[in-house]
Amino acid sequence: MTKFLFVYHGGSVPQGKEAQARVMDQWGRWYAGMAAAVVDGGNPVGKSATVLSDKSVVAHGGANPASGYSIVQAESLEAALAMAKGCPILEGNGSVEVAPLIDM
C-alpha cells in the first residue's frame, strides 16, 4: 500500500455553532468511512507564507495556500483520488491535492 498526502486548499469557514457542528460531523463520517486507510487525520493549518526560488516571500501562501492536510493509504492513485472525492472541503468550494509519499 502506498501512502498519499492530501493537501486541502481553500474551503469556507462555517458560521455559527450549528454549522460548525454539521461540518465537523461530515468530516468525522468521511474519516470513519475511510477507516484504517487514514494514517494521520492531519489538521487544519494557519496562514502560510511561500518562499520562492529567488528567496522572496509571498505572504498568505500565494495563489492557492494550503488549509490543511491528511495522510491516507491506498492501493493506487485512483483509489486515493476516489477517497478524496468524498472530502467535505469540496462542498465549501475547496480542493484536495493528492500526491504519493515516496519512501527514501
Protein backbone atom coordinates (compact mmCIF):
# COMPACT_ATOMS: atom_id res chain seq x y z
CA MET A 1 0.00 0.00 0.00
CA THR A 2 1.17 3.48 -0.81
CA LYS A 3 0.75 6.46 1.48
CA PHE A 4 -0.78 9.57 -0.07
CA LEU A 5 -0.70 13.15 1.12
CA PHE A 6 -3.99 15.03 0.87
CA VAL A 7 -3.40 18.78 0.91
CA TYR A 8 -6.56 20.80 1.34
CA HIS A 9 -6.86 24.18 -0.34
CA GLY A 10 -9.48 26.82 0.33
CA GLY A 11 -12.89 25.90 1.59
CA SER A 12 -15.28 28.02 3.58
CA VAL A 13 -15.39 28.53 7.33
CA PRO A 14 -18.80 27.57 8.71
CA GLN A 15 -20.54 30.38 10.60
CA GLY A 16 -22.26 29.59 13.87
CA LYS A 17 -22.08 26.64 16.23
CA GLU A 18 -24.74 24.61 14.39
CA ALA A 19 -22.99 24.95 11.03
CA GLN A 20 -19.61 24.16 12.63
CA ALA A 21 -21.05 21.04 14.27
CA ARG A 22 -22.58 19.91 10.96
CA VAL A 23 -19.27 20.32 9.12
CA MET A 24 -17.30 18.53 11.86
CA ASP A 25 -19.83 15.69 11.66
CA GLN A 26 -19.29 15.50 7.87
CA TRP A 27 -15.52 15.28 8.37
CA GLY A 28 -15.96 12.63 11.07
CA ARG A 29 -18.18 10.49 8.83
CA TRP A 30 -15.72 10.87 5.95
CA TYR A 31 -12.79 9.76 8.10
CA ALA A 32 -14.84 6.89 9.55
CA GLY A 33 -15.73 5.76 6.03
CA MET A 34 -12.04 5.54 5.13
CA ALA A 35 -11.40 3.60 8.37
CA ALA A 36 -7.90 2.06 8.55
CA ALA A 37 -6.82 3.88 5.37
CA VAL A 38 -6.36 7.03 7.49
CA VAL A 39 -2.72 7.03 8.63
CA ASP A 40 -2.76 10.60 10.00
CA GLY A 41 -6.02 12.54 10.07
CA GLY A 42 -3.97 15.72 9.95
CA ASN A 43 -5.16 19.16 10.93
CA PRO A 44 -6.13 22.50 9.53
CA VAL A 45 -3.20 24.87 9.09
CA GLY A 46 -2.86 28.59 9.75
CA LYS A 47 -1.94 31.33 7.31
CA SER A 48 1.15 30.30 5.39
CA ALA A 49 3.92 32.08 3.55
CA THR A 50 5.71 30.79 0.46
CA VAL A 51 9.47 31.09 -0.11
CA LEU A 52 10.16 31.32 -3.85
CA SER A 53 13.27 30.18 -5.72
CA ASP A 54 14.62 33.75 -5.74
CA LYS A 55 14.33 33.70 -1.91
CA SER A 56 11.48 36.23 -1.92
CA VAL A 57 8.47 35.53 0.27
CA VAL A 58 4.81 35.63 -0.72
CA ALA A 59 2.52 36.33 2.22
CA HIS A 60 -0.60 34.22 2.79
CA GLY A 61 0.76 31.26 0.82
CA GLY A 62 0.37 32.74 -2.64
CA ALA A 63 -2.35 31.92 -5.14
CA ASN A 64 -3.54 28.63 -3.63
CA PRO A 65 -2.50 28.34 0.03
CA ALA A 66 -2.88 25.10 1.95
CA SER A 67 -5.67 24.99 4.54
CA GLY A 68 -4.94 21.52 5.97
CA TYR A 69 -3.62 18.02 5.33
CA SER A 70 -4.16 14.30 5.93
CA ILE A 71 -2.20 11.14 5.11
CA VAL A 72 -4.01 8.03 3.86
CA GLN A 73 -3.05 4.61 2.49
CA ALA A 74 -4.43 3.32 -0.79
CA GLU A 75 -3.68 0.63 -3.36
CA SER A 76 -3.30 3.17 -6.16
CA LEU A 77 -3.55 6.84 -7.08
CA GLU A 78 -7.00 6.11 -8.49
CA ALA A 79 -8.12 4.67 -5.14
CA ALA A 80 -6.72 7.70 -3.28
CA LEU A 81 -8.49 10.05 -5.70
CA ALA A 82 -11.76 8.19 -5.10
CA MET A 83 -11.32 8.76 -1.34
CA ALA A 84 -10.51 12.45 -1.89
CA LYS A 85 -13.71 12.90 -3.92
CA GLY A 86 -15.70 12.36 -0.70
CA CYS A 87 -13.91 15.14 1.20
CA PRO A 88 -16.25 17.68 2.82
CA ILE A 89 -14.00 20.59 1.80
CA LEU A 90 -15.25 20.15 -1.77
CA GLU A 91 -18.71 21.25 -0.62
CA GLY A 92 -17.17 24.52 0.59
CA ASN A 93 -15.58 25.27 -2.82
CA GLY A 94 -12.20 23.94 -1.70
CA SER A 95 -9.97 21.37 -3.37
CA VAL A 96 -7.85 18.38 -2.43
CA GLU A 97 -4.39 17.90 -3.89
CA VAL A 98 -3.36 14.21 -3.83
CA ALA A 99 0.28 13.13 -4.02
CA PRO A 100 2.01 9.83 -3.28
CA LEU A 101 4.58 9.90 -0.49
CA ILE A 102 7.91 8.46 -1.62
CA ASP A 103 9.86 6.38 0.88
CA MET A 104 13.52 7.37 0.90
